[in-house]
PDB file of N, CA and C in Angstrom:
ATOM      1  N   MET A   1       3.979 -11.237  -3.221  1.00  0.00           N
ATOM      2  CA  MET A   1       4.556  -9.946  -2.945  1.00  0.00           C
ATOM      3  C   MET A   1       3.627  -8.816  -3.378  1.00  0.00           C
ATOM      4  N   VAL A   2       3.069  -8.971  -4.569  1.00  0.00           N
ATOM      5  CA  VAL A   2       2.173  -7.934  -5.076  1.00  0.00           C
ATOM      6  C   VAL A   2       0.900  -7.893  -4.231  1.00  0.00           C
ATOM      7  N   PHE A   3       0.425  -9.065  -3.806  1.00  0.00           N
ATOM      8  CA  PHE A   3      -0.782  -9.117  -2.987  1.00  0.00           C
ATOM      9  C   PHE A   3      -0.589  -8.367  -1.666  1.00  0.00           C
ATOM     10  N   LEU A   4       0.576  -8.541  -1.048  1.00  0.00           N
ATOM     11  CA  LEU A   4       0.831  -7.847   0.213  1.00  0.00           C
ATOM     12  C   LEU A   4       0.872  -6.334   0.016  1.00  0.00           C
ATOM     13  N   ARG A   5       1.456  -5.899  -1.077  1.00  0.00           N
ATOM     14  CA  ARG A   5       1.523  -4.456  -1.335  1.00  0.00           C
ATOM     15  C   ARG A   5       0.132  -3.892  -1.610  1.00  0.00           C
ATOM     16  N   ILE A   6      -0.699  -4.620  -2.338  1.00  0.00           N
ATOM     17  CA  ILE A   6      -2.062  -4.152  -2.609  1.00  0.00           C
ATOM     18  C   ILE A   6      -2.874  -4.137  -1.319  1.00  0.00           C
ATOM     19  N   LEU A   7      -2.741  -5.163  -0.493  1.00  0.00           N
ATOM     20  CA  LEU A   7      -3.447  -5.201   0.785  1.00  0.00           C
ATOM     21  C   LEU A   7      -2.990  -4.070   1.695  1.00  0.00           C
ATOM     22  N   GLY A   8      -1.684  -3.819   1.727  1.00  0.00           N
ATOM     23  CA  GLY A   8      -1.158  -2.715   2.527  1.00  0.00           C
ATOM     24  C   GLY A   8      -1.684  -1.370   2.053  1.00  0.00           C
ATOM     25  N   LYS A   9      -1.735  -1.165   0.738  1.00  0.00           N
ATOM     26  CA  LYS A   9      -2.272   0.089   0.200  1.00  0.00           C
ATOM     27  C   LYS A   9      -3.757   0.228   0.509  1.00  0.00           C
ATOM     28  N   ALA A  10      -4.498  -0.871   0.462  1.00  0.00           N
ATOM     29  CA  ALA A  10      -5.921  -0.822   0.798  1.00  0.00           C
ATOM     30  C   ALA A  10      -6.121  -0.439   2.259  1.00  0.00           C
ATOM     31  N   LEU A  11      -5.304  -0.995   3.151  1.00  0.00           N
ATOM     32  CA  LEU A  11      -5.417  -0.639   4.565  1.00  0.00           C
ATOM     33  C   LEU A  11      -5.018   0.815   4.807  1.00  0.00           C
ATOM     34  N   LEU A  12      -4.016   1.297   4.089  1.00  0.00           N
ATOM     35  CA  LEU A  12      -3.641   2.705   4.209  1.00  0.00           C
ATOM     36  C   LEU A  12      -4.752   3.615   3.689  1.00  0.00           C
ATOM     37  N   PHE A  13      -5.431   3.200   2.619  1.00  0.00           N
ATOM     38  CA  PHE A  13      -6.567   3.967   2.122  1.00  0.00           C
ATOM     39  C   PHE A  13      -7.695   3.992   3.156  1.00  0.00           C
ATOM     40  N   LEU A  14      -7.954   2.863   3.804  1.00  0.00           N
ATOM     41  CA  LEU A  14      -8.984   2.823   4.842  1.00  0.00           C
ATOM     42  C   LEU A  14      -8.598   3.684   6.042  1.00  0.00           C
ATOM     43  N   ALA A  15      -7.309   3.737   6.358  1.00  0.00           N
ATOM     44  CA  ALA A  15      -6.846   4.606   7.444  1.00  0.00           C
ATOM     45  C   ALA A  15      -7.091   6.064   7.080  1.00  0.00           C
ATOM     46  N   PHE A  16      -6.843   6.432   5.833  1.00  0.00           N
ATOM     47  CA  PHE A  16      -7.115   7.793   5.387  1.00  0.00           C
ATOM     48  C   PHE A  16      -8.610   8.099   5.453  1.00  0.00           C
ATOM     49  N   ALA A  17      -9.441   7.130   5.091  1.00  0.00           N
ATOM     50  CA  ALA A  17     -10.891   7.327   5.177  1.00  0.00           C
ATOM     51  C   ALA A  17     -11.326   7.500   6.627  1.00  0.00           C
ATOM     52  N   ALA A  18     -10.710   6.773   7.544  1.00  0.00           N
ATOM     53  CA  ALA A  18     -11.039   6.920   8.966  1.00  0.00           C
ATOM     54  C   ALA A  18     -10.628   8.297   9.478  1.00  0.00           C
ATOM     55  N   VAL A  19      -9.472   8.804   9.011  1.00  0.00           N
ATOM     56  CA  VAL A  19      -9.055  10.155   9.402  1.00  0.00           C
ATOM     57  C   VAL A  19     -10.024  11.189   8.825  1.00  0.00           C
ATOM     58  N   ALA A  20     -10.479  10.974   7.591  1.00  0.00           N
ATOM     59  CA  ALA A  20     -11.446  11.899   6.996  1.00  0.00           C
ATOM     60  C   ALA A  20     -12.764  11.878   7.768  1.00  0.00           C
ATOM     61  N   PHE A  21     -13.179  10.692   8.212  1.00  0.00           N
ATOM     62  CA  PHE A  21     -14.392  10.573   9.021  1.00  0.00           C
ATOM     63  C   PHE A  21     -14.240  11.340  10.329  1.00  0.00           C
ATOM     64  N   ASP A  22     -13.106  11.172  10.988  1.00  0.00           N
ATOM     65  CA  ASP A  22     -12.855  11.886  12.242  1.00  0.00           C
ATOM     66  C   ASP A  22     -12.768  13.384  12.016  1.00  0.00           C
ATOM     67  N   GLY A  23     -12.171  13.791  10.893  1.00  0.00           N
ATOM     68  CA  GLY A  23     -12.081  15.216  10.581  1.00  0.00           C
ATOM     69  C   GLY A  23     -13.442  15.828  10.327  1.00  0.00           C
ATOM     70  N   ALA A  24     -14.287  15.118   9.623  1.00  0.00           N
ATOM     71  CA  ALA A  24     -15.638  15.632   9.370  1.00  0.00           C
ATOM     72  C   ALA A  24     -16.427  15.728  10.671  1.00  0.00           C
ATOM     73  N   ARG A  25     -16.241  14.764  11.548  1.00  0.00           N
ATOM     74  CA  ARG A  25     -16.924  14.812  12.840  1.00  0.00           C
ATOM     75  C   ARG A  25     -16.402  15.967  13.692  1.00  0.00           C
ATOM     76  N   ASN A  26     -15.104  16.237  13.611  1.00  0.00           N
ATOM     77  CA  ASN A  26     -14.536  17.355  14.360  1.00  0.00           C
ATOM     78  C   ASN A  26     -14.992  18.693  13.816  1.00  0.00           C
ATOM     79  N   LEU A  27     -15.182  18.785  12.510  1.00  0.00           N
ATOM     80  CA  LEU A  27     -15.699  20.029  11.934  1.00  0.00           C
ATOM     81  C   LEU A  27     -17.151  20.265  12.347  1.00  0.00           C
ATOM     82  N   ALA A  28     -17.897  19.202  12.546  1.00  0.00           N
ATOM     83  CA  ALA A  28     -19.292  19.334  12.950  1.00  0.00           C
ATOM     84  C   ALA A  28     -19.437  19.726  14.417  1.00  0.00           C
ATOM     85  N   THR A  29     -18.429  19.425  15.229  1.00  0.00           N
ATOM     86  CA  THR A  29     -18.473  19.778  16.653  1.00  0.00           C
ATOM     87  C   THR A  29     -17.235  20.607  16.998  1.00  0.00           C
ATOM     88  N   PRO A  30     -17.242  21.908  16.711  1.00  0.00           N
ATOM     89  CA  PRO A  30     -16.052  22.724  16.961  1.00  0.00           C
ATOM     90  C   PRO A  30     -15.827  22.947  18.458  1.00  0.00           C
ATOM     91  N   GLY A  31     -14.585  23.233  18.804  1.00  0.00           N
ATOM     92  CA  GLY A  31     -14.243  23.549  20.178  1.00  0.00           C
ATOM     93  C   GLY A  31     -13.911  22.359  21.044  1.00  0.00           C
ATOM     94  N   GLN A  32     -13.954  21.149  20.487  1.00  0.00           N
ATOM     95  CA  GLN A  32     -13.652  19.965  21.295  1.00  0.00           C
ATOM     96  C   GLN A  32     -12.264  19.403  21.022  1.00  0.00           C
ATOM     97  N   GLY A  33     -11.532  19.984  20.099  1.00  0.00           N
ATOM     98  CA  GLY A  33     -10.198  19.491  19.783  1.00  0.00           C
ATOM     99  C   GLY A  33     -10.262  18.307  18.838  1.00  0.00           C
ATOM    100  N   LEU A  34      -9.113  17.708  18.612  1.00  0.00           N
ATOM    101  CA  LEU A  34      -9.019  16.568  17.710  1.00  0.00           C
ATOM    102  C   LEU A  34      -9.394  15.292  18.454  1.00  0.00           C
ATOM    103  N   LEU A  35     -10.474  14.681  18.030  1.00  0.00           N
ATOM    104  CA  LEU A  35     -10.939  13.438  18.629  1.00  0.00           C
ATOM    105  C   LEU A  35     -10.869  12.335  17.584  1.00  0.00           C
ATOM    106  N   LEU A  36     -10.128  11.283  17.881  1.00  0.00           N
ATOM    107  CA  LEU A  36     -10.025  10.142  16.984  1.00  0.00           C
ATOM    108  C   LEU A  36     -10.896   9.014  17.532  1.00  0.00           C
ATOM    109  N   ALA A  37     -11.769   8.494  16.701  1.00  0.00           N
ATOM    110  CA  ALA A  37     -12.684   7.439  17.131  1.00  0.00           C
ATOM    111  C   ALA A  37     -11.942   6.114  17.264  1.00  0.00           C
ATOM    112  N   SER A  38     -12.216   5.403  18.337  1.00  0.00           N
ATOM    113  CA  SER A  38     -11.557   4.124  18.578  1.00  0.00           C
ATOM    114  C   SER A  38     -12.230   3.021  17.762  1.00  0.00           C
ATOM    115  N   VAL A  39     -11.579   1.874  17.747  1.00  0.00           N
ATOM    116  CA  VAL A  39     -12.129   0.727  17.030  1.00  0.00           C
ATOM    117  C   VAL A  39     -13.457   0.308  17.653  1.00  0.00           C
ATOM    118  N   SER A  40     -13.534   0.336  18.983  1.00  0.00           N
ATOM    119  CA  SER A  40     -14.782  -0.059  19.646  1.00  0.00           C
ATOM    120  C   SER A  40     -15.917   0.909  19.333  1.00  0.00           C
ATOM    121  N   THR A  41     -15.602   2.187  19.157  1.00  0.00           N
ATOM    122  CA  THR A  41     -16.634   3.159  18.784  1.00  0.00           C
ATOM    123  C   THR A  41     -17.200   2.834  17.407  1.00  0.00           C
ATOM    124  N   HIS A  42     -16.326   2.498  16.465  1.00  0.00           N
ATOM    125  CA  HIS A  42     -16.794   2.136  15.129  1.00  0.00           C
ATOM    126  C   HIS A  42     -17.578   0.831  15.160  1.00  0.00           C
ATOM    127  N   LEU A  43     -17.134  -0.123  15.984  1.00  0.00           N
ATOM    128  CA  LEU A  43     -17.882  -1.376  16.094  1.00  0.00           C
ATOM    129  C   LEU A  43     -19.273  -1.138  16.670  1.00  0.00           C
ATOM    130  N   LYS A  44     -19.366  -0.294  17.696  1.00  0.00           N
ATOM    131  CA  LYS A  44     -20.673  -0.015  18.298  1.00  0.00           C
ATOM    132  C   LYS A  44     -21.578   0.742  17.346  1.00  0.00           C
ATOM    133  N   THR A  45     -21.004   1.580  16.490  1.00  0.00           N
ATOM    134  CA  THR A  45     -21.799   2.370  15.563  1.00  0.00           C
ATOM    135  C   THR A  45     -22.312   1.533  14.402  1.00  0.00           C
ATOM    136  N   TYR A  46     -21.422   0.772  13.765  1.00  0.00           N
ATOM    137  CA  TYR A  46     -21.794   0.069  12.536  1.00  0.00           C
ATOM    138  C   TYR A  46     -22.172  -1.394  12.742  1.00  0.00           C
ATOM    139  N   PHE A  47     -21.658  -2.029  13.765  1.00  0.00           N
ATOM    140  CA  PHE A  47     -21.987  -3.432  14.072  1.00  0.00           C
ATOM    141  C   PHE A  47     -22.282  -3.528  15.568  1.00  0.00           C
ATOM    142  N   PRO A  48     -23.496  -3.165  15.995  1.00  0.00           N
ATOM    143  CA  PRO A  48     -23.786  -3.020  17.423  1.00  0.00           C
ATOM    144  C   PRO A  48     -23.588  -4.284  18.264  1.00  0.00           C
ATOM    145  N   SER A  49     -23.875  -5.435  17.750  1.00  0.00           N
ATOM    146  CA  SER A  49     -23.795  -6.639  18.577  1.00  0.00           C
ATOM    147  C   SER A  49     -22.425  -7.321  18.508  1.00  0.00           C
ATOM    148  N   THR A  50     -21.564  -6.896  17.607  1.00  0.00           N
ATOM    149  CA  THR A  50     -20.280  -7.572  17.417  1.00  0.00           C
ATOM    150  C   THR A  50     -19.367  -7.440  18.625  1.00  0.00           C
ATOM    151  N   GLY A  51     -19.259  -6.243  19.184  1.00  0.00           N
ATOM    152  CA  GLY A  51     -18.378  -6.034  20.328  1.00  0.00           C
ATOM    153  C   GLY A  51     -18.772  -6.877  21.526  1.00  0.00           C
ATOM    154  N   ALA A  52     -20.066  -6.919  21.828  1.00  0.00           N
ATOM    155  CA  ALA A  52     -20.535  -7.725  22.958  1.00  0.00           C
ATOM    156  C   ALA A  52     -20.351  -9.219  22.678  1.00  0.00           C
ATOM    157  N   ASN A  53     -20.584  -9.634  21.440  1.00  0.00           N
ATOM    158  CA  ASN A  53     -20.392 -11.039  21.093  1.00  0.00           C
ATOM    159  C   ASN A  53     -18.925 -11.448  21.202  1.00  0.00           C
ATOM    160  N   LEU A  54     -18.016 -10.587  20.735  1.00  0.00           N
ATOM    161  CA  LEU A  54     -16.584 -10.884  20.856  1.00  0.00           C
ATOM    162  C   LEU A  54     -16.156 -10.995  22.316  1.00  0.00           C
ATOM    163  N   GLU A  55     -16.621 -10.048  23.118  1.00  0.00           N
ATOM    164  CA  GLU A  55     -16.245 -10.057  24.529  1.00  0.00           C
ATOM    165  C   GLU A  55     -16.763 -11.300  25.230  1.00  0.00           C
ATOM    166  N   SER A  56     -18.013 -11.644  24.993  1.00  0.00           N
ATOM    167  CA  SER A  56     -18.563 -12.831  25.651  1.00  0.00           C
ATOM    168  C   SER A  56     -17.892 -14.105  25.150  1.00  0.00           C
ATOM    169  N   PHE A  57     -17.509 -14.133  23.876  1.00  0.00           N
ATOM    170  CA  PHE A  57     -16.833 -15.313  23.330  1.00  0.00           C
ATOM    171  C   PHE A  57     -15.490 -15.538  24.005  1.00  0.00           C
ATOM    172  N   PHE A  58     -14.717 -14.473  24.174  1.00  0.00           N
ATOM    173  CA  PHE A  58     -13.385 -14.634  24.744  1.00  0.00           C
ATOM    174  C   PHE A  58     -13.402 -14.749  26.264  1.00  0.00           C
ATOM    175  N   LEU A  59     -14.375 -14.149  26.927  1.00  0.00           N
ATOM    176  CA  LEU A  59     -14.381 -14.199  28.385  1.00  0.00           C
ATOM    177  C   LEU A  59     -15.031 -15.455  28.946  1.00  0.00           C
ATOM    178  N   THR A  60     -15.868 -16.145  28.166  1.00  0.00           N
ATOM    179  CA  THR A  60     -16.510 -17.348  28.683  1.00  0.00           C
ATOM    180  C   THR A  60     -15.585 -18.557  28.647  1.00  0.00           C
ATOM    181  N   GLY A  61     -14.674 -18.613  27.712  1.00  0.00           N
ATOM    182  CA  GLY A  61     -13.759 -19.748  27.617  1.00  0.00           C
ATOM    183  C   GLY A  61     -12.535 -19.550  28.480  1.00  0.00           C
ATOM    184  N   GLU A  62     -11.555 -20.385  28.227  1.00  0.00           N
ATOM    185  CA  GLU A  62     -10.304 -20.292  28.974  1.00  0.00           C
ATOM    186  C   GLU A  62      -9.342 -19.282  28.363  1.00  0.00           C
ATOM    187  N   SER A  63      -9.782 -18.587  27.342  1.00  0.00           N
ATOM    188  CA  SER A  63      -8.901 -17.634  26.674  1.00  0.00           C
ATOM    189  C   SER A  63      -9.229 -16.191  27.072  1.00  0.00           C
ATOM    190  N   ALA A  64      -9.517 -15.970  28.331  1.00  0.00           N
ATOM    191  CA  ALA A  64      -9.814 -14.618  28.807  1.00  0.00           C
ATOM    192  C   ALA A  64      -8.582 -13.729  28.728  1.00  0.00           C
ATOM    193  N   TRP A  65      -7.394 -14.322  28.805  1.00  0.00           N
ATOM    194  CA  TRP A  65      -6.169 -13.531  28.705  1.00  0.00           C
ATOM    195  C   TRP A  65      -6.035 -12.905  27.332  1.00  0.00           C
ATOM    196  N   VAL A  66      -6.569 -13.550  26.280  1.00  0.00           N
ATOM    197  CA  VAL A  66      -6.503 -12.972  24.931  1.00  0.00           C
ATOM    198  C   VAL A  66      -7.293 -11.672  24.899  1.00  0.00           C
ATOM    199  N   TRP A  67      -8.460 -11.667  25.541  1.00  0.00           N
ATOM    200  CA  TRP A  67      -9.263 -10.454  25.576  1.00  0.00           C
ATOM    201  C   TRP A  67      -8.576  -9.373  26.404  1.00  0.00           C
ATOM    202  N   ASN A  68      -8.107  -9.724  27.582  1.00  0.00           N
ATOM    203  CA  ASN A  68      -7.548  -8.737  28.500  1.00  0.00           C
ATOM    204  C   ASN A  68      -6.211  -8.175  28.029  1.00  0.00           C
ATOM    205  N   ILE A  69      -5.375  -8.993  27.426  1.00  0.00           N
ATOM    206  CA  ILE A  69      -4.023  -8.562  27.083  1.00  0.00           C
ATOM    207  C   ILE A  69      -3.920  -8.058  25.646  1.00  0.00           C
ATOM    208  N   ILE A  70      -4.646  -8.673  24.716  1.00  0.00           N
ATOM    209  CA  ILE A  70      -4.464  -8.341  23.300  1.00  0.00           C
ATOM    210  C   ILE A  70      -5.628  -7.530  22.742  1.00  0.00           C
ATOM    211  N   LEU A  71      -6.848  -8.047  22.845  1.00  0.00           N
ATOM    212  CA  LEU A  71      -7.963  -7.432  22.139  1.00  0.00           C
ATOM    213  C   LEU A  71      -8.493  -6.158  22.787  1.00  0.00           C
ATOM    214  N   ALA A  72      -8.569  -6.087  24.094  1.00  0.00           N
ATOM    215  CA  ALA A  72      -9.098  -4.879  24.745  1.00  0.00           C
ATOM    216  C   ALA A  72      -8.230  -3.654  24.456  1.00  0.00           C
ATOM    217  N   PRO A  73      -6.892  -3.748  24.525  1.00  0.00           N
ATOM    218  CA  PRO A  73      -6.095  -2.570  24.140  1.00  0.00           C
ATOM    219  C   PRO A  73      -6.208  -2.227  22.658  1.00  0.00           C
ATOM    220  N   LEU A  74      -6.346  -3.245  21.790  1.00  0.00           N
ATOM    221  CA  LEU A  74      -6.504  -2.960  20.363  1.00  0.00           C
ATOM    222  C   LEU A  74      -7.829  -2.258  20.074  1.00  0.00           C
ATOM    223  N   LEU A  75      -8.873  -2.624  20.799  1.00  0.00           N
ATOM    224  CA  LEU A  75     -10.173  -1.986  20.590  1.00  0.00           C
ATOM    225  C   LEU A  75     -10.197  -0.558  21.119  1.00  0.00           C
ATOM    226  N   ALA A  76      -9.297  -0.230  22.020  1.00  0.00           N
ATOM    227  CA  ALA A  76      -9.238   1.127  22.563  1.00  0.00           C
ATOM    228  C   ALA A  76      -8.415   2.071  21.682  1.00  0.00           C
ATOM    229  N   MET A  77      -7.637   1.521  20.743  1.00  0.00           N
ATOM    230  CA  MET A  77      -6.817   2.348  19.869  1.00  0.00           C
ATOM    231  C   MET A  77      -7.673   3.067  18.833  1.00  0.00           C
ATOM    232  N   PRO A  78      -7.223   4.239  18.376  1.00  0.00           N
ATOM    233  CA  PRO A  78      -7.925   4.892  17.266  1.00  0.00           C
ATOM    234  C   PRO A  78      -7.840   4.029  16.009  1.00  0.00           C
ATOM    235  N   LEU A  79      -8.953   3.948  15.307  1.00  0.00           N
ATOM    236  CA  LEU A  79      -9.025   3.086  14.126  1.00  0.00           C
ATOM    237  C   LEU A  79      -8.033   3.526  13.060  1.00  0.00           C
ATOM    238  N   SER A  80      -7.889   4.824  12.870  1.00  0.00           N
ATOM    239  CA  SER A  80      -6.989   5.306  11.823  1.00  0.00           C
ATOM    240  C   SER A  80      -5.544   4.922  12.111  1.00  0.00           C
ATOM    241  N   LEU A  81      -5.118   5.012  13.361  1.00  0.00           N
ATOM    242  CA  LEU A  81      -3.747   4.645  13.700  1.00  0.00           C
ATOM    243  C   LEU A  81      -3.518   3.143  13.578  1.00  0.00           C
ATOM    244  N   LEU A  82      -4.493   2.347  13.974  1.00  0.00           N
ATOM    245  CA  LEU A  82      -4.364   0.900  13.874  1.00  0.00           C
ATOM    246  C   LEU A  82      -4.266   0.469  12.412  1.00  0.00           C
ATOM    247  N   LEU A  83      -5.147   1.011  11.555  1.00  0.00           N
ATOM    248  CA  LEU A  83      -5.113   0.655  10.143  1.00  0.00           C
ATOM    249  C   LEU A  83      -3.839   1.146   9.470  1.00  0.00           C
ATOM    250  N   ALA A  84      -3.365   2.331   9.855  1.00  0.00           N
ATOM    251  CA  ALA A  84      -2.129   2.861   9.267  1.00  0.00           C
ATOM    252  C   ALA A  84      -0.931   1.992   9.657  1.00  0.00           C
ATOM    253  N   ALA A  85      -0.874   1.558  10.898  1.00  0.00           N
ATOM    254  CA  ALA A  85       0.239   0.713  11.337  1.00  0.00           C
ATOM    255  C   ALA A  85       0.200  -0.646  10.642  1.00  0.00           C
ATOM    256  N   LEU A  86      -0.977  -1.260  10.578  1.00  0.00           N
ATOM    257  CA  LEU A  86      -1.096  -2.548   9.895  1.00  0.00           C
ATOM    258  C   LEU A  86      -0.805  -2.420   8.406  1.00  0.00           C
ATOM    259  N   GLY A  87      -1.333  -1.375   7.778  1.00  0.00           N
ATOM    260  CA  GLY A  87      -1.106  -1.168   6.349  1.00  0.00           C
ATOM    261  C   GLY A  87       0.354  -0.943   6.032  1.00  0.00           C
ATOM    262  N   THR A  88       1.034  -0.154   6.849  1.00  0.00           N
ATOM    263  CA  THR A  88       2.451   0.093   6.624  1.00  0.00           C
ATOM    264  C   THR A  88       3.263  -1.178   6.805  1.00  0.00           C
ATOM    265  N   ALA A  89       2.964  -1.946   7.845  1.00  0.00           N
ATOM    266  CA  ALA A  89       3.705  -3.189   8.088  1.00  0.00           C
ATOM    267  C   ALA A  89       3.500  -4.188   6.954  1.00  0.00           C
ATOM    268  N   ILE A  90       2.272  -4.329   6.485  1.00  0.00           N
ATOM    269  CA  ILE A  90       2.000  -5.278   5.403  1.00  0.00           C
ATOM    270  C   ILE A  90       2.593  -4.785   4.093  1.00  0.00           C
ATOM    271  N   PHE A  91       2.508  -3.480   3.844  1.00  0.00           N
ATOM    272  CA  PHE A  91       3.086  -2.924   2.621  1.00  0.00           C
ATOM    273  C   PHE A  91       4.595  -3.138   2.592  1.00  0.00           C
ATOM    274  N   LEU A  92       5.259  -2.909   3.714  1.00  0.00           N
ATOM    275  CA  LEU A  92       6.702  -3.101   3.761  1.00  0.00           C
ATOM    276  C   LEU A  92       7.088  -4.574   3.735  1.00  0.00           C
ATOM    277  N   ALA A  93       6.204  -5.452   4.189  1.00  0.00           N
ATOM    278  CA  ALA A  93       6.489  -6.888   4.112  1.00  0.00           C
ATOM    279  C   ALA A  93       6.504  -7.361   2.662  1.00  0.00           C
ATOM    280  N   GLY A  94       5.757  -6.701   1.805  1.00  0.00           N
ATOM    281  CA  GLY A  94       5.731  -7.066   0.394  1.00  0.00           C
ATOM    282  C   GLY A  94       6.771  -6.352  -0.440  1.00  0.00           C
ATOM    283  N   TYR A  95       7.607  -5.532   0.198  1.00  0.00           N
ATOM    284  CA  TYR A  95       8.625  -4.791  -0.539  1.00  0.00           C
ATOM    285  C   TYR A  95       9.770  -5.720  -0.929  1.00  0.00           C
ATOM    286  N   ARG A  96      10.198  -5.581  -2.145  1.00  0.00           N
ATOM    287  CA  ARG A  96      11.331  -6.353  -2.626  1.00  0.00           C
ATOM    288  C   ARG A  96      12.397  -5.384  -3.113  1.00  0.00           C
ATOM    289  N   LYS A  97      13.621  -5.598  -2.699  1.00  0.00           N
ATOM    290  CA  LYS A  97      14.720  -4.730  -3.099  1.00  0.00           C
ATOM    291  C   LYS A  97      14.916  -4.843  -4.609  1.00  0.00           C
ATOM    292  N   PRO A  98      15.005  -3.709  -5.301  1.00  0.00           N
ATOM    293  CA  PRO A  98      15.182  -3.795  -6.752  1.00  0.00           C
ATOM    294  C   PRO A  98      16.553  -4.378  -7.101  1.00  0.00           C
ATOM    295  N   PRO A  99      16.619  -5.057  -8.242  1.00  0.00           N
ATOM    296  CA  PRO A  99      17.905  -5.634  -8.617  1.00  0.00           C
ATOM    297  C   PRO A  99      18.909  -4.531  -8.950  1.00  0.00           C
ATOM    298  N   PRO A 100      20.170  -4.820  -8.736  1.00  0.00           N
ATOM    299  CA  PRO A 100      21.171  -3.801  -9.039  1.00  0.00           C
ATOM    300  C   PRO A 100      21.259  -3.532 -10.543  1.00  0.00           C
ATOM    301  N   VAL A 101      21.597  -2.307 -10.855  1.00  0.00           N
ATOM    302  CA  VAL A 101      21.749  -1.921 -12.257  1.00  0.00           C
ATOM    303  C   VAL A 101      23.174  -2.270 -12.677  1.00  0.00           C
ATOM    304  N   LEU A 102      23.260  -3.048 -13.736  1.00  0.00           N
ATOM    305  CA  LEU A 102      24.560  -3.456 -14.262  1.00  0.00           C
ATOM    306  C   LEU A 102      24.873  -2.634 -15.501  1.00  0.00           C
ATOM    307  N   TYR A 103      26.013  -2.010 -15.476  1.00  0.00           N
ATOM    308  CA  TYR A 103      26.438  -1.208 -16.619  1.00  0.00           C
ATOM    309  C   TYR A 103      27.526  -1.966 -17.361  1.00  0.00           C
ATOM    310  N   GLY A 104      27.347  -2.085 -18.627  1.00  0.00           N
ATOM    311  CA  GLY A 104      28.340  -2.789 -19.437  1.00  0.00           C
ATOM    312  C   GLY A 104      29.103  -1.823 -20.336  1.00  0.00           C
ATOM    313  N   ASP A 105      30.095  -2.343 -21.004  1.00  0.00           N
ATOM    314  CA  ASP A 105      30.878  -1.518 -21.924  1.00  0.00           C
ATOM    315  C   ASP A 105      30.207  -1.300 -23.212  1.00  0.00           C
TER     316      ASP A 105
END
């Protein structure tokens, strides 16, 4: 339970860092509005060959539907929103209802 809450908080912290990254980029390029970088943009920036390797791995086998239905839409999502959703879900999965308070005489 504690591990899930710590993992969820770490993902929420990473989502905040991604929003800060996008905010700094928006401040550097004024007049373009709020632009949130997608997961594929971050993959191309920091791990250039990973995106192409993932695509070729899933499209060469019989699991092309995994790429088309699941992974391609996830890679198009903004990184901050994806991390925030995953972090919130994992954090809430580790939540335990507190025990009731018993009052005695």
